[in-house]
Amino acid sequence: MRLLLVEDDDHVAAALSAVLSRHGFDVTHARSGEEALQALLPGDRAPFGVVLLDLGLPDQDGFEVCGRIRRISSSPVIMVTARADVRSRIHGLNLGADDYVVKPYDTGELLARIHAVSRRRASAPPAGGSEPPADEDAPREALRLGAVTIELPTRQVAVRGTAVPLTRKEFDLLALLAQRPGVVFRREQIISEVWRTSWEGTGRTLEVHIASLRAKLGMPALIETVRGVGYRLVAPPAAVSPAGPAS
């Protein structure tokens, strides 16, 4: 698999490249955001399977680079940074990053995350195609949960009539919880159905997506944390109904 390592520290890049090469990766090293973007432009070689993106780059912030990557490439992006705060994690995922790893990290964990995002991307539908629902028996109509409307066929969400843009995984997560309000979903079950993996390291990514959903919807109490178990959507069953035609 081709891997693009975006890291301005040559010593760090050399050490990590050696490890990745021993595990079968064809590593290309970019020392700046602009160099990374040039490497990602379509060419004769196969696209990169994964991009490891450091945020502290000399020419531009890694968040900006991630946003620009998403406009030209569908390669999975893993942010690798010392910024450990939740706000940075949420911001990175909202920009389109597939995962977020905080330095210092265990090399085995990083390799596991690389393989995890590769598997998820390999099982995802082509860009522009319609994504099959996680549950073939799930209802196809829209759902109303109080002020929230979830259009399952078009994958659109609105709060009090105002559209709320969600990432693909945020929508999948909300739709899963919304189709069974009041039911507690175990963390392992959510990770299996939304991320299609059983790797435990995805749990932190789940927490970040939950926090992002609460913030975007402006309803922190809508998704309840059931400590030690998982999450559930707090809405009375009567509040959940197919959304009728617009008047």
Protein backbone atom coordinates (compact mmCIF):
# COMPACT_ATOMS: atom_id res chain seq x y z
CA MET A 1 0.00 0.00 0.00
CA ARG A 2 1.22 3.51 -0.83
CA LEU A 3 1.32 5.81 2.19
CA LEU A 4 1.92 9.57 2.27
CA LEU A 5 3.72 10.74 5.42
CA VAL A 6 3.37 14.49 5.95
CA GLU A 7 5.95 15.40 8.60
CA ASP A 8 8.39 18.31 8.71
CA ASP A 9 10.76 16.70 11.22
CA ASP A 10 13.21 14.63 9.18
CA HIS A 11 14.35 12.56 12.17
CA VAL A 12 10.78 11.59 13.10
CA ALA A 13 9.94 10.92 9.46
CA ALA A 14 13.00 8.73 8.91
CA ALA A 15 12.30 6.58 11.97
CA LEU A 16 8.60 6.19 11.16
CA SER A 17 9.27 5.53 7.47
CA ALA A 18 11.64 2.71 8.41
CA VAL A 19 8.98 1.08 10.60
CA LEU A 20 6.25 1.49 7.98
CA SER A 21 8.49 0.12 5.23
CA ARG A 22 9.21 -2.99 7.30
CA HIS A 23 5.45 -3.54 7.46
CA GLY A 24 5.05 -3.42 3.70
CA PHE A 25 4.16 0.23 3.10
CA ASP A 26 5.53 2.20 0.15
CA VAL A 27 6.20 5.50 1.96
CA THR A 28 6.38 8.92 0.32
CA HIS A 29 7.61 11.70 2.61
CA ALA A 30 6.27 15.26 2.26
CA ARG A 31 7.84 17.97 4.45
CA SER A 32 5.15 20.64 3.98
CA GLY A 33 1.47 21.03 3.26
CA GLU A 34 2.07 22.21 -0.29
CA GLU A 35 4.40 19.29 -0.99
CA ALA A 36 1.72 16.91 0.29
CA LEU A 37 -0.97 18.44 -1.91
CA GLN A 38 1.26 18.14 -4.97
CA ALA A 39 1.92 14.48 -4.17
CA LEU A 40 -1.83 13.82 -3.97
CA LEU A 41 -2.61 15.20 -7.42
CA PRO A 42 -3.78 12.49 -9.85
CA GLY A 43 -0.93 10.82 -11.71
CA ASP A 44 0.20 7.57 -13.25
CA ARG A 45 0.65 5.74 -9.95
CA ALA A 46 -2.09 4.26 -7.77
CA PRO A 47 -3.59 6.68 -5.22
CA PHE A 48 -2.30 6.70 -1.66
CA GLY A 49 -3.99 4.18 0.60
CA VAL A 50 -3.52 6.40 3.68
CA VAL A 51 -2.23 9.89 4.50
CA LEU A 52 -0.53 10.43 7.87
CA LEU A 53 -0.85 14.17 8.46
CA ASP A 54 1.09 16.08 11.10
CA LEU A 55 -0.64 19.34 12.10
CA GLY A 56 2.49 21.40 12.89
CA LEU A 57 3.71 22.09 9.36
CA PRO A 58 6.06 24.94 8.38
CA ASP A 59 4.00 26.49 5.59
CA GLN A 60 0.38 26.09 6.74
CA ASP A 61 -1.67 24.59 9.52
CA GLY A 62 -2.45 20.90 9.18
CA PHE A 63 -6.18 21.57 9.57
CA GLU A 64 -6.09 23.75 6.46
CA VAL A 65 -4.15 21.06 4.61
CA CYS A 66 -6.74 18.44 5.58
CA GLY A 67 -9.56 20.57 4.18
CA ARG A 68 -7.65 21.03 0.92
CA ILE A 69 -6.86 17.32 0.73
CA ARG A 70 -10.54 16.52 0.95
CA ARG A 71 -11.21 18.68 -2.12
CA ILE A 72 -8.77 16.75 -4.31
CA SER A 73 -8.47 13.25 -2.85
CA SER A 74 -10.55 10.53 -1.22
CA SER A 75 -7.53 8.88 0.44
CA PRO A 76 -8.09 8.23 4.16
CA VAL A 77 -6.43 10.84 6.39
CA ILE A 78 -5.11 10.12 9.88
CA MET A 79 -4.08 13.23 11.80
CA VAL A 80 -0.99 12.60 13.94
CA THR A 81 -0.38 15.40 16.41
CA ALA A 82 0.45 16.41 19.97
CA ARG A 83 -2.82 18.40 20.18
CA ALA A 84 -4.82 16.20 22.54
CA ASP A 85 -7.81 18.45 23.36
CA VAL A 86 -11.29 17.32 22.32
CA ARG A 87 -11.97 20.55 20.41
CA SER A 88 -9.03 19.83 18.07
CA ARG A 89 -10.19 16.24 17.61
CA ILE A 90 -13.70 17.36 16.69
CA HIS A 91 -12.38 20.04 14.34
CA GLY A 92 -10.14 17.55 12.57
CA LEU A 93 -12.89 14.98 12.10
CA ASN A 94 -15.31 17.63 10.88
CA LEU A 95 -12.76 18.64 8.24
CA GLY A 96 -12.83 15.10 6.90
CA ALA A 97 -10.09 13.26 8.78
CA ASP A 98 -10.82 9.56 9.20
CA ASP A 99 -8.97 9.22 12.50
CA TYR A 100 -6.91 11.24 14.99
CA VAL A 101 -3.84 9.93 16.81
CA VAL A 102 -2.17 11.85 19.64
CA LYS A 103 1.62 11.87 20.12
CA PRO A 104 3.35 10.10 21.72
CA TYR A 105 1.72 6.95 20.38
CA ASP A 106 2.48 3.26 20.32
CA THR A 107 3.66 2.15 16.87
CA GLY A 108 1.47 -0.95 17.05
CA GLU A 109 -1.56 1.22 17.70
CA LEU A 110 -0.73 3.47 14.76
CA LEU A 111 -0.38 0.45 12.46
CA ALA A 112 -3.71 -0.90 13.69
CA ARG A 113 -5.40 2.44 12.99
CA ILE A 114 -3.90 2.56 9.49
CA HIS A 115 -5.26 -0.88 8.70
CA ALA A 116 -8.63 -0.01 10.27
CA VAL A 117 -9.22 3.09 8.13
CA SER A 118 -8.03 1.17 5.07
CA ARG A 119 -10.61 -1.56 5.68
CA ARG A 120 -13.38 0.96 6.24
CA ARG A 121 -12.54 2.86 3.06
CA ALA A 122 -12.29 -0.37 1.06
CA SER A 123 -15.81 -1.38 2.16
CA ALA A 124 -17.30 2.09 1.53
CA PRO A 125 -19.26 2.81 -1.69
CA PRO A 126 -17.59 4.76 -4.51
CA ALA A 127 -17.64 8.55 -4.28
CA GLY A 128 -20.92 9.87 -5.60
CA GLY A 129 -22.65 6.53 -5.14
CA SER A 130 -25.45 5.82 -2.73
CA GLU A 131 -24.35 4.19 0.49
CA PRO A 132 -26.27 1.08 1.46
CA PRO A 133 -27.92 1.24 4.88
CA ALA A 134 -26.21 -0.62 7.70
CA ASP A 135 -29.47 -2.51 8.32
CA GLU A 136 -31.42 -3.64 5.27
CA ASP A 137 -34.60 -3.79 7.38
CA ALA A 138 -34.27 -0.22 8.62
CA PRO A 139 -37.11 2.14 7.69
CA ARG A 140 -36.50 4.23 4.58
CA GLU A 141 -38.73 7.21 5.43
CA ALA A 142 -37.78 10.31 7.39
CA LEU A 143 -37.81 10.39 11.19
CA ARG A 144 -38.96 13.21 13.47
CA LEU A 145 -37.60 13.45 16.98
CA GLY A 146 -39.12 16.58 18.40
CA ALA A 147 -37.32 19.44 16.68
CA VAL A 148 -34.99 17.13 14.76
CA THR A 149 -35.89 15.73 11.33
CA ILE A 150 -33.75 12.99 9.82
CA GLU A 151 -34.24 12.28 6.12
CA LEU A 152 -32.93 8.74 5.74
CA PRO A 153 -33.10 8.50 1.91
CA THR A 154 -31.31 11.82 1.32
CA ARG A 155 -29.12 11.67 4.45
CA GLN A 156 -30.13 15.18 5.50
CA VAL A 157 -30.75 16.45 9.03
CA ALA A 158 -32.58 19.58 10.13
CA VAL A 159 -33.23 21.16 13.53
CA ARG A 160 -36.37 23.31 13.63
CA GLY A 161 -36.30 23.47 9.86
CA THR A 162 -32.65 24.55 9.61
CA ALA A 163 -30.31 22.15 7.83
CA VAL A 164 -27.43 20.80 9.93
CA PRO A 165 -24.46 19.52 7.88
CA LEU A 166 -23.09 16.26 9.24
CA THR A 167 -20.18 14.10 8.17
CA ARG A 168 -20.96 10.63 6.82
CA LYS A 169 -20.14 8.89 10.10
CA GLU A 170 -22.03 11.47 12.18
CA PHE A 171 -25.15 10.83 10.11
CA ASP A 172 -24.74 7.04 10.33
CA LEU A 173 -24.35 7.30 14.09
CA LEU A 174 -27.39 9.56 14.56
CA ALA A 175 -29.55 7.43 12.25
CA LEU A 176 -28.62 4.27 14.13
CA LEU A 177 -29.60 5.73 17.51
CA ALA A 178 -32.70 7.50 16.15
CA GLN A 179 -34.27 4.39 14.69
CA ARG A 180 -34.55 2.91 18.20
CA PRO A 181 -34.98 5.83 20.62
CA GLY A 182 -34.64 4.89 24.25
CA VAL A 183 -32.71 1.73 23.43
CA VAL A 184 -29.17 1.57 24.81
CA PHE A 185 -26.62 0.73 22.13
CA ARG A 186 -23.43 -0.83 23.43
CA ARG A 187 -20.24 0.89 22.34
CA GLU A 188 -19.05 -2.31 20.66
CA GLN A 189 -22.33 -2.55 18.72
CA ILE A 190 -22.13 1.05 17.50
CA ILE A 191 -18.53 0.64 16.41
CA SER A 192 -19.39 -2.58 14.59
CA GLU A 193 -22.39 -1.12 12.74
CA VAL A 194 -21.09 2.39 11.97
CA TRP A 195 -17.34 1.82 11.59
CA ARG A 196 -17.58 -1.84 10.53
CA THR A 197 -14.73 -2.87 12.75
CA SER A 198 -14.32 -4.52 16.14
CA TRP A 199 -11.03 -2.84 17.03
CA GLU A 200 -11.31 -1.32 20.49
CA GLY A 201 -9.17 1.70 19.61
CA THR A 202 -12.10 3.15 17.64
CA GLY A 203 -13.83 3.89 20.97
CA ARG A 204 -12.14 7.27 21.34
CA THR A 205 -13.27 8.21 17.84
CA LEU A 206 -16.83 7.29 18.85
CA GLU A 207 -16.67 9.66 21.84
CA VAL A 208 -15.48 12.49 19.62
CA HIS A 209 -18.30 11.89 17.11
CA ILE A 210 -20.88 11.88 19.92
CA ALA A 211 -19.53 15.20 21.22
CA SER A 212 -19.59 16.66 17.72
CA LEU A 213 -23.19 15.55 17.15
CA ARG A 214 -24.35 17.10 20.41
CA ALA A 215 -22.65 20.37 19.51
CA LYS A 216 -23.92 20.53 15.92
CA LEU A 217 -27.50 19.70 16.86
CA GLY A 218 -27.41 22.13 19.78
CA MET A 219 -29.02 19.47 21.98
CA PRO A 220 -26.51 18.02 24.44
CA ALA A 221 -29.21 16.00 26.21
CA LEU A 222 -30.49 14.32 23.04
CA ILE A 223 -27.83 11.60 23.20
CA GLU A 224 -27.35 10.20 26.68
CA THR A 225 -24.21 8.45 27.85
CA VAL A 226 -25.01 5.25 29.72
CA ARG A 227 -21.86 4.96 31.75
CA GLY A 228 -19.97 1.73 31.25
CA VAL A 229 -22.36 0.54 28.54
CA GLY A 230 -22.88 2.90 25.62
CA TYR A 231 -25.32 5.53 24.35
CA ARG A 232 -29.02 6.03 23.71
CA LEU A 233 -31.10 8.68 22.08
CA VAL A 234 -33.39 10.30 24.64
CA ALA A 235 -36.74 10.92 22.95
CA PRO A 236 -40.20 9.61 23.88
CA PRO A 237 -41.46 6.99 21.42
CA ALA A 238 -44.40 9.24 20.52
CA ALA A 239 -41.98 11.89 19.31
CA VAL A 240 -40.57 9.57 16.67
CA SER A 241 -42.71 9.29 13.55
CA PRO A 242 -42.39 9.33 9.80
CA ALA A 243 -42.12 12.91 8.60
CA GLY A 244 -45.10 13.84 6.46
CA PRO A 245 -45.02 15.97 3.33
CA ALA A 246 -44.10 19.63 3.71
CA SER A 247 -47.12 21.89 3.93
